[in-house]
Protein backbone atom coordinates (compact mmCIF):
# COMPACT_ATOMS: atom_id res chain seq x y z
CA UNK A 1 0.15 0.12 -0.11
CA UNK A 2 3.03 2.19 0.43
CA UNK A 3 5.28 1.08 -2.16
CA UNK A 4 2.94 0.74 -5.17
CA UNK A 5 2.23 4.46 -5.53
CA UNK A 6 5.41 5.71 -3.99
CA UNK A 7 6.46 8.12 -6.96
CA UNK A 8 3.07 8.77 -8.23
CA UNK A 9 3.25 12.43 -6.83
CA UNK A 10 5.93 14.95 -7.42
CA UNK A 11 7.92 16.15 -4.55
CA UNK A 12 6.46 18.82 -2.33
CA UNK A 13 7.71 21.82 -0.64
CA UNK A 14 8.76 20.03 2.66
CA UNK A 15 10.46 17.38 0.79
CA UNK A 16 12.33 19.78 -1.42
CA UNK A 17 13.39 21.39 1.88
CA UNK A 18 14.66 18.07 3.00
CA UNK A 19 16.84 17.75 0.01
CA UNK A 20 18.17 21.28 0.23
CA UNK A 21 19.03 20.99 4.03
CA UNK A 22 20.68 17.28 3.44
CA UNK A 23 22.75 19.04 0.59
CA UNK A 24 24.58 21.42 3.09
CA UNK A 25 28.21 20.78 3.67
CA UNK A 26 28.83 17.99 6.39
CA UNK A 27 30.05 20.58 8.84
CA UNK A 28 26.91 22.70 8.48
CA UNK A 29 24.67 19.61 8.93
CA UNK A 30 26.62 18.55 12.20
CA UNK A 31 26.28 22.07 13.50
CA UNK A 32 22.55 21.91 12.83
CA UNK A 33 22.37 19.11 15.52
CA UNK A 34 23.04 21.80 18.19
CA UNK A 35 21.48 25.03 17.20
CA UNK A 36 18.11 26.23 16.16
CA UNK A 37 16.86 26.13 12.65
CA UNK A 38 15.57 22.42 11.90
CA UNK A 39 12.85 20.30 13.59
CA UNK A 40 14.88 16.95 12.75
CA UNK A 41 18.50 17.51 12.09
CA UNK A 42 19.63 13.91 12.31
CA UNK A 43 17.13 12.96 9.56
CA UNK A 44 18.85 15.48 7.06
CA UNK A 45 22.33 13.97 8.02
CA UNK A 46 20.96 10.46 7.26
CA UNK A 47 19.10 11.60 3.96
CA UNK A 48 22.46 12.93 2.88
CA UNK A 49 24.15 9.38 3.13
CA UNK A 50 21.18 7.91 1.44
CA UNK A 51 21.07 10.30 -1.48
CA UNK A 52 24.84 9.39 -2.02
CA UNK A 53 24.00 5.82 -2.54
CA UNK A 54 20.55 6.07 -4.37
CA UNK A 55 20.25 9.41 -6.08
CA UNK A 56 17.25 11.98 -5.98
CA UNK A 57 14.25 10.16 -7.65
CA UNK A 58 11.04 10.43 -5.87
CA UNK A 59 10.97 6.65 -5.47
CA UNK A 60 14.63 6.64 -3.96
CA UNK A 61 13.75 9.51 -1.63
CA UNK A 62 10.66 8.01 -0.25
CA UNK A 63 11.77 4.42 -0.19
CA UNK A 64 13.14 4.54 3.65
CA UNK A 65 9.99 6.03 4.80
CA UNK A 66 7.92 3.26 3.07
CA UNK A 67 10.20 0.74 4.67
CA UNK A 68 9.83 2.21 8.19
CA UNK A 69 6.14 2.75 7.82
CA UNK A 70 5.78 -0.96 6.78
CA UNK A 71 7.77 -1.94 9.70
CA UNK A 72 5.21 -0.16 12.17
CA UNK A 73 2.81 -3.07 11.18
CA UNK A 74 4.51 -5.72 13.04
CA UNK A 75 5.78 -3.39 15.73
CA UNK A 76 2.22 -2.27 16.47
CA UNK A 77 1.38 -6.01 17.19
CA UNK A 78 4.48 -6.30 19.42
CA UNK A 79 3.60 -3.10 21.35
CA UNK A 80 -0.11 -4.36 21.78
CA UNK A 81 0.90 -7.80 23.09
CA UNK A 82 3.56 -6.05 25.47
CA UNK A 83 0.89 -3.87 26.79
CA UNK A 84 -1.34 -6.90 27.66
CA UNK A 85 -3.64 -7.03 24.80
CA UNK A 86 -4.95 -10.39 23.23
CA UNK A 87 -3.45 -11.65 20.08
CA UNK A 88 -6.56 -10.73 18.30
CA UNK A 89 -6.39 -7.23 19.42
CA UNK A 90 -2.54 -7.16 18.36
CA UNK A 91 -3.55 -8.18 14.82
CA UNK A 92 -6.47 -5.40 14.66
CA UNK A 93 -3.74 -2.90 15.62
CA UNK A 94 -1.51 -4.36 12.59
CA UNK A 95 -4.54 -3.79 10.42
CA UNK A 96 -5.19 -0.37 11.39
CA UNK A 97 -1.69 0.58 11.13
CA UNK A 98 -1.39 -0.95 7.61
CA UNK A 99 -4.48 0.85 6.37
CA UNK A 100 -4.24 4.10 8.31
CA UNK A 101 -4.50 7.01 5.78
CA UNK A 102 -2.15 9.21 7.91
CA UNK A 103 0.34 6.35 8.03
CA UNK A 104 0.34 5.72 4.51
CA UNK A 105 0.75 9.37 3.78
CA UNK A 106 3.68 9.71 6.08
CA UNK A 107 5.11 6.48 4.78
CA UNK A 108 5.25 8.05 1.31
CA UNK A 109 6.95 11.28 2.31
CA UNK A 110 10.67 11.87 2.23
CA UNK A 111 10.67 13.19 5.80
CA UNK A 112 11.54 12.03 9.22
CA UNK A 113 8.09 11.08 10.53
CA UNK A 114 7.82 7.50 9.66
CA UNK A 115 11.25 6.88 10.98
CA UNK A 116 10.43 8.76 14.23
CA UNK A 117 7.30 6.62 14.77
CA UNK A 118 9.43 3.52 14.55
CA UNK A 119 12.11 4.66 16.85
CA UNK A 120 9.53 5.92 19.55
CA UNK A 121 7.54 2.51 19.30
CA UNK A 122 10.82 0.65 19.81
CA UNK A 123 11.40 2.84 22.88
CA UNK A 124 8.12 2.13 24.39
CA UNK A 125 8.32 -1.62 23.71
CA UNK A 126 11.73 -1.68 25.19
CA UNK A 127 10.47 0.54 28.30
CA UNK A 128 7.53 -1.83 28.98
CA UNK A 129 9.86 -4.83 28.62
CA UNK A 130 12.45 -3.30 31.04
CA UNK A 131 9.82 -2.53 33.74
CA UNK A 132 8.39 -6.06 33.50
CA UNK A 133 11.60 -8.10 33.74
CA UNK A 134 14.27 -5.58 34.56
CA UNK A 135 16.80 -6.82 32.11
CA UNK A 136 19.68 -4.48 31.38
CA UNK A 137 19.43 -4.91 27.46
CA UNK A 138 15.83 -3.33 27.34
CA UNK A 139 17.09 -0.31 29.48
CA UNK A 140 19.86 0.16 27.01
CA UNK A 141 17.46 -0.17 24.01
CA UNK A 142 14.99 2.32 25.58
CA UNK A 143 17.73 5.03 26.35
CA UNK A 144 19.37 4.66 23.01
CA UNK A 145 16.00 4.96 20.94
CA UNK A 146 14.71 7.77 22.98
CA UNK A 147 18.07 9.50 22.68
CA UNK A 148 17.89 9.15 18.73
CA UNK A 149 14.25 10.56 18.88
CA UNK A 150 15.29 13.71 20.37
CA UNK A 151 17.64 14.41 17.28
CA UNK A 152 14.86 13.15 14.76
CA UNK A 153 12.34 15.68 15.69
CA UNK A 154 12.15 18.58 18.01
CA UNK A 155 8.78 17.49 19.57
CA UNK A 156 9.79 13.95 20.48
CA UNK A 157 10.90 14.72 24.06
CA UNK A 158 7.17 15.26 24.76
CA UNK A 159 7.04 11.40 25.05
CA UNK A 160 8.93 11.72 28.42
CA UNK A 161 5.55 12.71 29.64
CA UNK A 162 4.15 9.32 28.38
CA UNK A 163 6.93 7.49 29.82
CA UNK A 164 6.28 9.33 33.10
CA UNK A 165 2.57 8.39 32.92
CA UNK A 166 3.30 4.88 32.35
CA UNK A 167 5.75 4.70 35.38
CA UNK A 168 2.91 6.04 37.60
CA UNK A 169 0.64 3.46 36.41
CA UNK A 170 3.16 0.76 36.68
CA UNK A 171 4.48 2.06 39.85
CA UNK A 172 5.08 -1.46 41.43
CA UNK A 173 7.34 -2.39 38.52
CA UNK A 174 9.18 0.90 38.92
CA UNK A 175 9.84 0.17 42.57
CA UNK A 176 11.10 -3.16 41.81
CA UNK A 177 13.70 -1.99 39.32
CA UNK A 178 14.02 1.71 40.78
CA UNK A 179 17.71 1.80 40.32
CA UNK A 180 17.61 0.92 36.60
CA UNK A 181 14.84 3.17 36.04
CA UNK A 182 16.49 6.12 37.74
CA UNK A 183 19.80 5.61 35.75
CA UNK A 184 17.96 5.28 32.48
CA UNK A 185 15.99 8.55 33.04
CA UNK A 186 19.19 10.27 34.03
CA UNK A 187 21.11 9.22 31.05
CA UNK A 188 18.34 10.52 28.87
CA UNK A 189 19.51 13.86 30.14
CA UNK A 190 22.92 13.84 28.54
CA UNK A 191 21.99 13.57 24.77
CA UNK A 192 19.27 16.20 25.47
CA UNK A 193 21.51 18.84 26.82
CA UNK A 194 22.99 20.05 23.54
CA UNK A 195 19.30 20.64 22.36
CA UNK A 196 17.94 22.08 25.57
CA UNK A 197 20.85 24.69 25.44
CA UNK A 198 19.09 26.46 22.41
CA UNK A 199 15.37 25.14 22.88
CA UNK A 200 14.94 26.63 26.19
CA UNK A 201 15.89 30.25 25.25
CA UNK A 202 13.64 29.91 22.08
CA UNK A 203 10.90 28.71 24.30
CA UNK A 204 11.09 31.49 26.81
CA UNK A 205 11.49 34.25 24.02
CA UNK A 206 8.56 33.31 22.07
CA UNK A 207 7.86 34.83 18.66
CA UNK A 208 6.27 34.45 15.28
CA UNK A 209 5.81 30.71 14.39
CA UNK A 210 4.79 31.59 10.90
CA UNK A 211 1.29 30.21 11.33
CA UNK A 212 -1.97 32.04 12.52
CA UNK A 213 -2.67 31.88 16.18
CA UNK A 214 -5.49 29.74 17.32
CA UNK A 215 -6.96 29.54 20.87
CA UNK A 216 -6.51 26.11 22.44
CA UNK A 217 -10.38 25.26 21.98
CA UNK A 218 -9.95 26.06 18.20
CA UNK A 219 -6.85 23.92 18.01
CA UNK A 220 -8.48 20.93 19.60
CA UNK A 221 -11.59 21.39 17.26
CA UNK A 222 -9.12 21.44 14.12
CA UNK A 223 -7.38 18.19 15.45
CA UNK A 224 -10.56 16.41 15.97
CA UNK A 225 -11.77 17.48 12.50
CA UNK A 226 -8.67 16.13 10.69
CA UNK A 227 -8.80 12.86 12.66
CA UNK A 228 -12.56 12.42 11.68
CA UNK A 229 -13.17 14.17 8.51
CA UNK A 230 -9.67 14.49 7.22
CA UNK A 231 -9.09 17.61 5.10
CA UNK A 232 -12.70 17.97 4.29
CA UNK A 233 -13.65 21.06 6.49
CA UNK A 234 -17.35 21.41 5.41
CA UNK A 235 -18.82 18.54 7.21
CA UNK A 236 -19.43 20.21 10.45
CA UNK A 237 -19.46 18.68 13.96
CA UNK A 238 -21.02 15.27 13.08
CA UNK A 239 -17.83 13.56 12.12
CA UNK A 240 -16.16 14.77 15.40
CA UNK A 241 -19.05 13.39 17.46
CA UNK A 242 -18.97 10.22 15.54
CA UNK A 243 -15.16 10.00 15.96
CA UNK A 244 -15.48 10.54 19.81
CA UNK A 245 -18.36 8.06 20.05
CA UNK A 246 -16.25 5.38 18.28
CA UNK A 247 -13.26 6.20 20.50
CA UNK A 248 -15.27 5.66 23.67
CA UNK A 249 -16.69 2.43 22.14
CA UNK A 250 -13.27 1.17 21.75
CA UNK A 251 -12.45 1.78 25.35
CA UNK A 252 -15.64 0.76 27.04
CA UNK A 253 -18.56 -0.43 25.20
CA UNK A 254 -17.25 -3.13 22.98
CA UNK A 255 -15.98 -5.33 25.86
CA UNK A 256 -17.16 -3.81 28.98
CA UNK A 257 -15.97 -6.79 31.12
CA UNK A 258 -12.41 -6.65 29.92
CA UNK A 259 -10.07 -6.65 32.63
CA UNK A 260 -6.71 -7.33 30.81
CA UNK A 261 -3.57 -5.35 31.55
CA UNK A 262 -3.66 -3.78 28.16
CA UNK A 263 -7.13 -2.44 28.54
CA UNK A 264 -6.54 -1.23 32.02
CA UNK A 265 -3.23 0.55 30.85
CA UNK A 266 -4.96 2.15 27.83
CA UNK A 267 -7.88 3.51 29.88
CA UNK A 268 -5.57 4.80 32.52
CA UNK A 269 -3.33 6.60 29.91
CA UNK A 270 -6.30 8.12 28.22
CA UNK A 271 -7.73 9.46 31.57
């Protein structure tokens, strides 16, 4: 579903920007890892090497995203099982990941989003495994994958809040492995320091983002509209209500007696 039409569309602006950034001298790319200007400096560094091997055709530039987008299908199953869901639920997750219009879109785009999703998912799988059995290798994978995500996209540190929420829900496991958990979280501060040096002043300074300002209520409405009706904005509130209704059904109504670890963890994370 991702490969068949990979080169059917020409490159658009963001993809052209990715090519332009990856064409910079190596020193400039390395400097970009530690200063403002890009939301995913590591991706452009990787794209530079990939272009040297394959060229600049639409298919070649987008192929890594298609591969990583496809890799999300089995990873989604593994994550669902790791969260405590049944095999059937895991297969359903894989089906949704394989057919999701959003994931197909980003799996056909020469940007960092498909790779980022895989890295973050691997980090979450390793995190849950580490909390469950405390093996050192899973803590190492968690730290490495999370550290890579910091440099793949500027907003990936927001996942630290999710890891914190999981820690609160799985507090018994955190207490059993408190030393490894503390060391792992502490290790994440080291790779993030070069980023926070310039991100914190930018955050405190504020400024023009290049997009019109919307109040929070309007932003939430736009987000729900995109998830329910896509880019068609004339459908009104009905798709949003349908989306929210189906979302709640997935959590409660379909299997109200479900008491599995996966269902419990999902409900607590949503709350």
